[in-house]
Amino acid sequence: SAGADDYVTKPFSIPELMARVKAQLRHAPEPQTKKELIFEDIKM
């Protein structure tokens, strides 16, 4: 009700948790890659 998408009770198995992470990633946007960093006149 607080807004969690899933709920895992400890102790949990790592394979189960990894499966739940992958399930949530199906709905997550693809990460964006930064192409540059800028600080004052320094650019990477």
All heavy atoms as atom14 arrays in JSON, in Angstrom:
{
  "sequence": "SAGADDYVTKPFSIPELMARVKAQLRHAPEPQTKKELIFEDIKM",
  "atom14_mask": [
    [1, 1, 1, 1, 1, 1, 0, 0, 0, 0, 0, 0, 0, 0],
    [1, 1, 1, 1, 1, 0, 0, 0, 0, 0, 0, 0, 0, 0],
    [1, 1, 1, 1, 0, 0, 0, 0, 0, 0, 0, 0, 0, 0],
    [1, 1, 1, 1, 1, 0, 0, 0, 0, 0, 0, 0, 0, 0],
    [1, 1, 1, 1, 1, 1, 1, 1, 0, 0, 0, 0, 0, 0],
    [1, 1, 1, 1, 1, 1, 1, 1, 0, 0, 0, 0, 0, 0],
    [1, 1, 1, 1, 1, 1, 1, 1, 1, 1, 1, 1, 0, 0],
    [1, 1, 1, 1, 1, 1, 1, 0, 0, 0, 0, 0, 0, 0],
    [1, 1, 1, 1, 1, 1, 1, 0, 0, 0, 0, 0, 0, 0],
    [1, 1, 1, 1, 1, 1, 1, 1, 1, 0, 0, 0, 0, 0],
    [1, 1, 1, 1, 1, 1, 1, 0, 0, 0, 0, 0, 0, 0],
    [1, 1, 1, 1, 1, 1, 1, 1, 1, 1, 1, 0, 0, 0],
    [1, 1, 1, 1, 1, 1, 0, 0, 0, 0, 0, 0, 0, 0],
    [1, 1, 1, 1, 1, 1, 1, 1, 0, 0, 0, 0, 0, 0],
    [1, 1, 1, 1, 1, 1, 1, 0, 0, 0, 0, 0, 0, 0],
    [1, 1, 1, 1, 1, 1, 1, 1, 1, 0, 0, 0, 0, 0],
    [1, 1, 1, 1, 1, 1, 1, 1, 0, 0, 0, 0, 0, 0],
    [1, 1, 1, 1, 1, 1, 1, 1, 0, 0, 0, 0, 0, 0],
    [1, 1, 1, 1, 1, 0, 0, 0, 0, 0, 0, 0, 0, 0],
    [1, 1, 1, 1, 1, 1, 1, 1, 1, 1, 1, 0, 0, 0],
    [1, 1, 1, 1, 1, 1, 1, 0, 0, 0, 0, 0, 0, 0],
    [1, 1, 1, 1, 1, 1, 1, 1, 1, 0, 0, 0, 0, 0],
    [1, 1, 1, 1, 1, 0, 0, 0, 0, 0, 0, 0, 0, 0],
    [1, 1, 1, 1, 1, 1, 1, 1, 1, 0, 0, 0, 0, 0],
    [1, 1, 1, 1, 1, 1, 1, 1, 0, 0, 0, 0, 0, 0],
    [1, 1, 1, 1, 1, 1, 1, 1, 1, 1, 1, 0, 0, 0],
    [1, 1, 1, 1, 1, 1, 1, 1, 1, 1, 0, 0, 0, 0],
    [1, 1, 1, 1, 1, 0, 0, 0, 0, 0, 0, 0, 0, 0],
    [1, 1, 1, 1, 1, 1, 1, 0, 0, 0, 0, 0, 0, 0],
    [1, 1, 1, 1, 1, 1, 1, 1, 1, 0, 0, 0, 0, 0],
    [1, 1, 1, 1, 1, 1, 1, 0, 0, 0, 0, 0, 0, 0],
    [1, 1, 1, 1, 1, 1, 1, 1, 1, 0, 0, 0, 0, 0],
    [1, 1, 1, 1, 1, 1, 1, 0, 0, 0, 0, 0, 0, 0],
    [1, 1, 1, 1, 1, 1, 1, 1, 1, 0, 0, 0, 0, 0],
    [1, 1, 1, 1, 1, 1, 1, 1, 1, 0, 0, 0, 0, 0],
    [1, 1, 1, 1, 1, 1, 1, 1, 1, 0, 0, 0, 0, 0],
    [1, 1, 1, 1, 1, 1, 1, 1, 0, 0, 0, 0, 0, 0],
    [1, 1, 1, 1, 1, 1, 1, 1, 0, 0, 0, 0, 0, 0],
    [1, 1, 1, 1, 1, 1, 1, 1, 1, 1, 1, 0, 0, 0],
    [1, 1, 1, 1, 1, 1, 1, 1, 1, 0, 0, 0, 0, 0],
    [1, 1, 1, 1, 1, 1, 1, 1, 0, 0, 0, 0, 0, 0],
    [1, 1, 1, 1, 1, 1, 1, 1, 0, 0, 0, 0, 0, 0],
    [1, 1, 1, 1, 1, 1, 1, 1, 1, 0, 0, 0, 0, 0],
    [1, 1, 1, 1, 1, 1, 1, 1, 0, 0, 0, 0, 0, 0]
  ],
  "atom14_positions": [
    [[0.82, -1.21, 0.0], [0.0, 0.0, 0.0], [0.86, 1.26, 0.0], [0.43, 2.32, -0.46], [-0.92, 0.02, 1.23], [-1.82, -1.07, 1.19], [0.0, 0.0, 0.0], [0.0, 0.0, 0.0], [0.0, 0.0, 0.0], [0.0, 0.0, 0.0], [0.0, 0.0, 0.0], [0.0, 0.0, 0.0], [0.0, 0.0, 0.0], [0.0, 0.0, 0.0]],
    [[2.08, 1.15, 0.53], [2.99, 2.3, 0.53], [3.58, 2.56, -0.85], [4.2, 3.59, -1.07], [4.12, 2.06, 1.53], [0.0, 0.0, 0.0], [0.0, 0.0, 0.0], [0.0, 0.0, 0.0], [0.0, 0.0, 0.0], [0.0, 0.0, 0.0], [0.0, 0.0, 0.0], [0.0, 0.0, 0.0], [0.0, 0.0, 0.0], [0.0, 0.0, 0.0]],
    [[3.37, 1.61, -1.77], [3.85, 1.8, -3.13], [4.87, 0.79, -3.59], [5.37, 0.88, -4.72], [0.0, 0.0, 0.0], [0.0, 0.0, 0.0], [0.0, 0.0, 0.0], [0.0, 0.0, 0.0], [0.0, 0.0, 0.0], [0.0, 0.0, 0.0], [0.0, 0.0, 0.0], [0.0, 0.0, 0.0], [0.0, 0.0, 0.0], [0.0, 0.0, 0.0]],
    [[5.21, -0.2, -2.74], [6.16, -1.23, -3.17], [5.56, -2.06, -4.3], [4.36, -2.31, -4.34], [6.53, -2.13, -1.99], [0.0, 0.0, 0.0], [0.0, 0.0, 0.0], [0.0, 0.0, 0.0], [0.0, 0.0, 0.0], [0.0, 0.0, 0.0], [0.0, 0.0, 0.0], [0.0, 0.0, 0.0], [0.0, 0.0, 0.0], [0.0, 0.0, 0.0]],
    [[6.43, -2.47, -5.24], [5.97, -3.28, -6.36], [6.02, -4.76, -6.06], [5.32, -5.55, -6.68], [6.84, -2.99, -7.59], [6.73, -1.55, -8.04], [5.78, -1.23, -8.77], [7.59, -0.74, -7.64], [0.0, 0.0, 0.0], [0.0, 0.0, 0.0], [0.0, 0.0, 0.0], [0.0, 0.0, 0.0], [0.0, 0.0, 0.0], [0.0, 0.0, 0.0]],
    [[6.86, -5.14, -5.1], [6.99, -6.54, -4.72], [7.46, -6.59, -3.27], [7.9, -5.58, -2.71], [7.98, -7.26, -5.64], [7.78, -8.76, -5.67], [6.95, -9.28, -4.87], [8.45, -9.43, -6.48], [0.0, 0.0, 0.0], [0.0, 0.0, 0.0], [0.0, 0.0, 0.0], [0.0, 0.0, 0.0], [0.0, 0.0, 0.0], [0.0, 0.0, 0.0]],
    [[7.39, -7.78, -2.69], [7.62, -7.94, -1.25], [8.28, -9.29, -1.04], [7.75, -10.32, -1.45], [6.26, -7.88, -0.55], [6.29, -7.79, 0.96], [5.98, -6.6, 1.6], [6.57, -8.89, 1.73], [5.96, -6.51, 2.98], [6.57, -8.82, 3.11], [6.26, -7.63, 3.73], [6.25, -7.56, 5.09], [0.0, 0.0, 0.0], [0.0, 0.0, 0.0]],
    [[9.48, -9.29, -0.43], [10.21, -10.53, -0.21], [10.5, -10.66, 1.29], [11.06, -9.75, 1.9], [11.54, -10.56, -0.99], [12.29, -11.87, -0.73], [11.29, -10.38, -2.48], [0.0, 0.0, 0.0], [0.0, 0.0, 0.0], [0.0, 0.0, 0.0], [0.0, 0.0, 0.0], [0.0, 0.0, 0.0], [0.0, 0.0, 0.0], [0.0, 0.0, 0.0]],
    [[10.12, -11.79, 1.86], [10.3, -12.01, 3.29], [11.63, -12.69, 3.56], [11.98, -13.69, 2.92], [9.15, -12.87, 3.84], [7.91, -12.25, 3.55], [9.27, -13.05, 5.35], [0.0, 0.0, 0.0], [0.0, 0.0, 0.0], [0.0, 0.0, 0.0], [0.0, 0.0, 0.0], [0.0, 0.0, 0.0], [0.0, 0.0, 0.0], [0.0, 0.0, 0.0]],
    [[12.38, -12.16, 4.52], [13.63, -12.78, 4.96], [13.33, -13.98, 5.84], [12.38, -13.94, 6.62], [14.47, -11.77, 5.75], [14.85, -10.52, 5.0], [15.58, -9.57, 5.93], [15.92, -8.25, 5.27], [16.58, -7.31, 6.2], [0.0, 0.0, 0.0], [0.0, 0.0, 0.0], [0.0, 0.0, 0.0], [0.0, 0.0, 0.0], [0.0, 0.0, 0.0]],
    [[14.15, -15.04, 5.78], [15.23, -15.25, 4.82], [14.68, -15.64, 3.45], [13.65, -16.32, 3.36], [16.04, -16.38, 5.44], [15.03, -17.17, 6.21], [14.03, -16.17, 6.74], [0.0, 0.0, 0.0], [0.0, 0.0, 0.0], [0.0, 0.0, 0.0], [0.0, 0.0, 0.0], [0.0, 0.0, 0.0], [0.0, 0.0, 0.0], [0.0, 0.0, 0.0]],
    [[15.36, -15.22, 2.4], [14.9, -15.51, 1.03], [16.04, -16.18, 0.27], [17.21, -16.1, 0.65], [14.47, -14.24, 0.32], [15.45, -13.12, 0.44], [16.6, -13.07, -0.35], [15.23, -12.09, 1.34], [17.51, -12.04, -0.22], [16.13, -11.04, 1.46], [17.28, -11.02, 0.69], [0.0, 0.0, 0.0], [0.0, 0.0, 0.0], [0.0, 0.0, 0.0]],
    [[15.7, -16.85, -0.81], [16.73, -17.47, -1.64], [17.22, -16.45, -2.66], [16.43, -15.66, -3.19], [16.19, -18.72, -2.35], [15.36, -18.36, -3.43], [0.0, 0.0, 0.0], [0.0, 0.0, 0.0], [0.0, 0.0, 0.0], [0.0, 0.0, 0.0], [0.0, 0.0, 0.0], [0.0, 0.0, 0.0], [0.0, 0.0, 0.0], [0.0, 0.0, 0.0]],
    [[18.5, -16.46, -2.93], [19.08, -15.53, -3.91], [18.49, -15.75, -5.31], [18.13, -14.78, -5.99], [20.61, -15.64, -3.93], [21.2, -15.09, -2.62], [21.2, -14.88, -5.12], [20.9, -13.61, -2.37], [0.0, 0.0, 0.0], [0.0, 0.0, 0.0], [0.0, 0.0, 0.0], [0.0, 0.0, 0.0], [0.0, 0.0, 0.0], [0.0, 0.0, 0.0]],
    [[18.35, -17.01, -5.78], [17.75, -17.19, -7.12], [16.35, -16.58, -7.22], [16.0, -15.99, -8.24], [17.71, -18.71, -7.28], [18.84, -19.2, -6.43], [18.85, -18.3, -5.24], [0.0, 0.0, 0.0], [0.0, 0.0, 0.0], [0.0, 0.0, 0.0], [0.0, 0.0, 0.0], [0.0, 0.0, 0.0], [0.0, 0.0, 0.0], [0.0, 0.0, 0.0]],
    [[15.54, -16.73, -6.16], [14.2, -16.14, -6.2], [14.28, -14.62, -6.28], [13.56, -13.99, -7.06], [13.4, -16.54, -4.95], [12.0, -15.92, -4.93], [11.28, -16.1, -3.61], [11.84, -16.74, -2.7], [10.15, -15.61, -3.5], [0.0, 0.0, 0.0], [0.0, 0.0, 0.0], [0.0, 0.0, 0.0], [0.0, 0.0, 0.0], [0.0, 0.0, 0.0]],
    [[15.17, -14.03, -5.48], [15.28, -12.57, -5.49], [15.77, -12.08, -6.85], [15.25, -11.09, -7.38], [16.25, -12.1, -4.4], [16.39, -10.58, -4.27], [15.06, -9.94, -3.91], [17.45, -10.22, -3.25], [0.0, 0.0, 0.0], [0.0, 0.0, 0.0], [0.0, 0.0, 0.0], [0.0, 0.0, 0.0], [0.0, 0.0, 0.0], [0.0, 0.0, 0.0]],
    [[16.74, -12.78, -7.45], [17.22, -12.38, -8.77], [16.1, -12.45, -9.81], [15.99, -11.59, -10.69], [18.4, -13.27, -9.21], [19.65, -13.14, -8.36], [20.34, -11.46, -8.31], [20.24, -11.13, -6.55], [0.0, 0.0, 0.0], [0.0, 0.0, 0.0], [0.0, 0.0, 0.0], [0.0, 0.0, 0.0], [0.0, 0.0, 0.0], [0.0, 0.0, 0.0]],
    [[15.25, -13.47, -9.69], [14.12, -13.61, -10.61], [13.14, -12.45, -10.44], [12.6, -11.92, -11.42], [13.4, -14.94, -10.38], [0.0, 0.0, 0.0], [0.0, 0.0, 0.0], [0.0, 0.0, 0.0], [0.0, 0.0, 0.0], [0.0, 0.0, 0.0], [0.0, 0.0, 0.0], [0.0, 0.0, 0.0], [0.0, 0.0, 0.0], [0.0, 0.0, 0.0]],
    [[12.94, -12.02, -9.2], [12.03, -10.9, -8.95], [12.62, -9.59, -9.47], [11.88, -8.73, -9.97], [11.73, -10.81, -7.46], [10.84, -11.95, -6.95], [10.68, -11.89, -5.44], [9.9, -12.99, -4.93], [8.62, -12.92, -4.56], [7.96, -11.79, -4.68], [8.0, -13.98, -4.08], [0.0, 0.0, 0.0], [0.0, 0.0, 0.0], [0.0, 0.0, 0.0]],
    [[13.94, -9.42, -9.34], [14.59, -8.23, -9.89], [14.41, -8.2, -11.4], [14.04, -7.17, -11.99], [16.08, -8.2, -9.52], [16.82, -7.12, -10.32], [16.26, -7.96, -8.02], [0.0, 0.0, 0.0], [0.0, 0.0, 0.0], [0.0, 0.0, 0.0], [0.0, 0.0, 0.0], [0.0, 0.0, 0.0], [0.0, 0.0, 0.0], [0.0, 0.0, 0.0]],
    [[14.65, -9.33, -12.06], [14.51, -9.39, -13.52], [13.08, -9.1, -13.94], [12.83, -8.44, -14.96], [14.94, -10.77, -14.03], [16.44, -10.99, -13.96], [16.83, -12.39, -14.39], [18.33, -12.62, -14.24], [18.74, -14.0, -14.57], [0.0, 0.0, 0.0], [0.0, 0.0, 0.0], [0.0, 0.0, 0.0], [0.0, 0.0, 0.0], [0.0, 0.0, 0.0]],
    [[12.12, -9.58, -13.16], [10.71, -9.33, -13.46], [10.41, -7.83, -13.42], [9.7, -7.3, -14.28], [9.81, -10.08, -12.49], [0.0, 0.0, 0.0], [0.0, 0.0, 0.0], [0.0, 0.0, 0.0], [0.0, 0.0, 0.0], [0.0, 0.0, 0.0], [0.0, 0.0, 0.0], [0.0, 0.0, 0.0], [0.0, 0.0, 0.0], [0.0, 0.0, 0.0]],
    [[10.97, -7.13, -12.42], [10.74, -5.69, -12.32], [11.46, -4.92, -13.43], [10.96, -3.9, -13.91], [11.18, -5.18, -10.95], [10.35, -5.69, -9.79], [8.87, -5.35, -9.93], [8.52, -4.28, -10.42], [8.02, -6.27, -9.49], [0.0, 0.0, 0.0], [0.0, 0.0, 0.0], [0.0, 0.0, 0.0], [0.0, 0.0, 0.0], [0.0, 0.0, 0.0]],
    [[12.6, -5.43, -13.86], [13.35, -4.76, -14.92], [12.62, -4.78, -16.25], [12.87, -3.94, -17.12], [14.74, -5.39, -15.08], [15.75, -5.04, -13.99], [17.02, -5.86, -14.15], [16.08, -3.56, -14.0], [0.0, 0.0, 0.0], [0.0, 0.0, 0.0], [0.0, 0.0, 0.0], [0.0, 0.0, 0.0], [0.0, 0.0, 0.0], [0.0, 0.0, 0.0]],
    [[11.7, -5.73, -16.41], [10.92, -5.77, -17.66], [10.07, -4.51, -17.8], [9.71, -4.12, -18.91], [10.02, -7.0, -17.69], [10.78, -8.31, -17.72], [9.88, -9.48, -18.01], [10.54, -10.74, -17.71], [10.23, -11.53, -16.69], [9.24, -11.22, -15.88], [10.89, -12.65, -16.47], [0.0, 0.0, 0.0], [0.0, 0.0, 0.0], [0.0, 0.0, 0.0]],
    [[9.75, -3.9, -16.66], [8.92, -2.69, -16.68], [9.73, -1.42, -16.52], [9.18, -0.32, -16.59], [7.87, -2.77, -15.56], [7.14, -4.07, -15.51], [6.31, -4.49, -16.52], [7.11, -5.05, -14.57], [5.8, -5.68, -16.21], [6.28, -6.04, -15.04], [0.0, 0.0, 0.0], [0.0, 0.0, 0.0], [0.0, 0.0, 0.0], [0.0, 0.0, 0.0]],
    [[11.03, -1.56, -16.26], [11.87, -0.38, -16.02], [12.39, 0.17, -17.34], [12.66, -0.58, -18.28], [13.04, -0.76, -15.12], [0.0, 0.0, 0.0], [0.0, 0.0, 0.0], [0.0, 0.0, 0.0], [0.0, 0.0, 0.0], [0.0, 0.0, 0.0], [0.0, 0.0, 0.0], [0.0, 0.0, 0.0], [0.0, 0.0, 0.0], [0.0, 0.0, 0.0]],
    [[12.53, 1.49, -17.46], [13.1, 2.08, -18.68], [14.56, 1.71, -18.83], [15.25, 1.46, -17.84], [12.94, 3.59, -18.46], [12.86, 3.75, -16.98], [12.19, 2.5, -16.46], [0.0, 0.0, 0.0], [0.0, 0.0, 0.0], [0.0, 0.0, 0.0], [0.0, 0.0, 0.0], [0.0, 0.0, 0.0], [0.0, 0.0, 0.0], [0.0, 0.0, 0.0]],
    [[15.03, 1.63, -20.06], [16.43, 1.35, -20.31], [17.29, 2.47, -19.73], [16.95, 3.65, -19.86], [16.71, 1.22, -21.81], [16.23, -0.1, -22.4], [16.94, -1.29, -21.79], [18.18, -1.25, -21.65], [16.26, -2.27, -21.45], [0.0, 0.0, 0.0], [0.0, 0.0, 0.0], [0.0, 0.0, 0.0], [0.0, 0.0, 0.0], [0.0, 0.0, 0.0]],
    [[18.4, 2.11, -19.06], [19.25, 3.16, -18.49], [19.85, 4.03, -19.59], [20.2, 3.54, -20.66], [20.34, 2.37, -17.75], [20.34, 1.02, -18.38], [18.93, 0.76, -18.84], [0.0, 0.0, 0.0], [0.0, 0.0, 0.0], [0.0, 0.0, 0.0], [0.0, 0.0, 0.0], [0.0, 0.0, 0.0], [0.0, 0.0, 0.0], [0.0, 0.0, 0.0]],
    [[19.96, 5.33, -19.29], [20.53, 6.26, -20.25], [22.03, 6.41, -20.0], [22.47, 6.53, -18.86], [19.85, 7.63, -20.13], [18.36, 7.59, -20.43], [18.08, 7.17, -21.85], [18.65, 7.73, -22.79], [17.21, 6.2, -22.02], [0.0, 0.0, 0.0], [0.0, 0.0, 0.0], [0.0, 0.0, 0.0], [0.0, 0.0, 0.0], [0.0, 0.0, 0.0]],
    [[22.79, 6.43, -21.07], [24.23, 6.57, -20.96], [24.63, 8.04, -21.07], [24.29, 8.69, -22.05], [24.95, 5.77, -22.06], [24.52, 4.42, -22.01], [26.45, 5.85, -21.91], [0.0, 0.0, 0.0], [0.0, 0.0, 0.0], [0.0, 0.0, 0.0], [0.0, 0.0, 0.0], [0.0, 0.0, 0.0], [0.0, 0.0, 0.0], [0.0, 0.0, 0.0]],
    [[25.31, 8.55, -20.05], [25.82, 9.91, -20.16], [26.96, 9.93, -21.16], [27.83, 9.06, -21.14], [26.32, 10.4, -18.8], [25.23, 10.92, -17.88], [25.85, 11.6, -16.67], [24.77, 12.2, -15.8], [25.35, 12.9, -14.63], [0.0, 0.0, 0.0], [0.0, 0.0, 0.0], [0.0, 0.0, 0.0], [0.0, 0.0, 0.0], [0.0, 0.0, 0.0]],
    [[26.97, 10.95, -22.02], [28.01, 11.05, -23.02], [29.11, 12.02, -22.62], [30.22, 11.95, -23.15], [27.4, 11.46, -24.37], [26.47, 10.4, -24.94], [25.95, 10.79, -26.31], [25.05, 9.71, -26.87], [24.51, 10.07, -28.21], [0.0, 0.0, 0.0], [0.0, 0.0, 0.0], [0.0, 0.0, 0.0], [0.0, 0.0, 0.0], [0.0, 0.0, 0.0]],
    [[28.8, 12.93, -21.68], [29.83, 13.86, -21.26], [29.54, 14.38, -19.86], [28.4, 14.34, -19.38], [29.95, 15.03, -22.24], [28.74, 15.92, -22.31], [28.93, 17.09, -23.28], [29.78, 16.99, -24.19], [28.23, 18.1, -23.12], [0.0, 0.0, 0.0], [0.0, 0.0, 0.0], [0.0, 0.0, 0.0], [0.0, 0.0, 0.0], [0.0, 0.0, 0.0]],
    [[30.6, 14.84, -19.2], [30.5, 15.5, -17.91], [31.12, 16.88, -18.06], [32.14, 17.04, -18.74], [31.24, 14.71, -16.83], [30.72, 13.32, -16.48], [31.71, 12.61, -15.56], [29.36, 13.4, -15.82], [0.0, 0.0, 0.0], [0.0, 0.0, 0.0], [0.0, 0.0, 0.0], [0.0, 0.0, 0.0], [0.0, 0.0, 0.0], [0.0, 0.0, 0.0]],
    [[30.5, 17.89, -17.41], [30.99, 19.25, -17.52], [31.07, 19.86, -16.13], [30.12, 19.78, -15.34], [30.1, 20.12, -18.42], [30.1, 19.58, -19.86], [30.57, 21.57, -18.41], [29.14, 20.28, -20.79], [0.0, 0.0, 0.0], [0.0, 0.0, 0.0], [0.0, 0.0, 0.0], [0.0, 0.0, 0.0], [0.0, 0.0, 0.0], [0.0, 0.0, 0.0]],
    [[32.21, 20.47, -15.82], [32.37, 21.26, -14.6], [33.12, 22.52, -14.97], [34.3, 22.46, -15.36], [33.13, 20.48, -13.52], [33.25, 21.23, -12.22], [32.25, 21.15, -11.27], [34.34, 22.04, -11.95], [32.33, 21.86, -10.08], [34.43, 22.76, -10.77], [33.42, 22.67, -9.83], [0.0, 0.0, 0.0], [0.0, 0.0, 0.0], [0.0, 0.0, 0.0]],
    [[32.43, 23.67, -14.88], [33.01, 24.94, -15.31], [33.54, 24.8, -16.74], [32.78, 24.43, -17.62], [34.08, 25.39, -14.32], [33.53, 25.7, -12.92], [32.53, 26.83, -12.91], [32.79, 27.88, -13.52], [31.46, 26.67, -12.27], [0.0, 0.0, 0.0], [0.0, 0.0, 0.0], [0.0, 0.0, 0.0], [0.0, 0.0, 0.0], [0.0, 0.0, 0.0]],
    [[34.85, 25.02, -16.98], [35.37, 24.93, -18.34], [36.0, 23.56, -18.65], [36.63, 23.39, -19.69], [36.39, 26.04, -18.59], [37.62, 25.93, -17.69], [37.52, 25.28, -16.64], [38.66, 26.51, -18.04], [0.0, 0.0, 0.0], [0.0, 0.0, 0.0], [0.0, 0.0, 0.0], [0.0, 0.0, 0.0], [0.0, 0.0, 0.0], [0.0, 0.0, 0.0]],
    [[35.81, 22.6, -17.73], [36.35, 21.24, -17.94], [35.25, 20.36, -18.52], [34.15, 20.28, -17.96], [36.87, 20.63, -16.63], [37.92, 21.54, -16.0], [37.45, 19.24, -16.89], [38.34, 21.09, -14.61], [0.0, 0.0, 0.0], [0.0, 0.0, 0.0], [0.0, 0.0, 0.0], [0.0, 0.0, 0.0], [0.0, 0.0, 0.0], [0.0, 0.0, 0.0]],
    [[35.53, 19.7, -19.62], [34.56, 18.8, -20.24], [35.2, 17.44, -20.46], [36.3, 17.34, -20.98], [34.07, 19.35, -21.58], [33.0, 18.47, -22.23], [32.39, 19.12, -23.47], [33.32, 19.02, -24.65], [32.66, 19.47, -25.91], [0.0, 0.0, 0.0], [0.0, 0.0, 0.0], [0.0, 0.0, 0.0], [0.0, 0.0, 0.0], [0.0, 0.0, 0.0]],
    [[34.49, 16.38, -20.02], [34.94, 15.01, -20.25], [34.03, 14.36, -21.29], [32.81, 14.28, -21.1], [34.86, 14.18, -18.96], [35.73, 14.65, -17.83], [35.82, 13.42, -16.49], [36.97, 12.22, -17.21], [0.0, 0.0, 0.0], [0.0, 0.0, 0.0], [0.0, 0.0, 0.0], [0.0, 0.0, 0.0], [0.0, 0.0, 0.0], [0.0, 0.0, 0.0]]
  ]
}
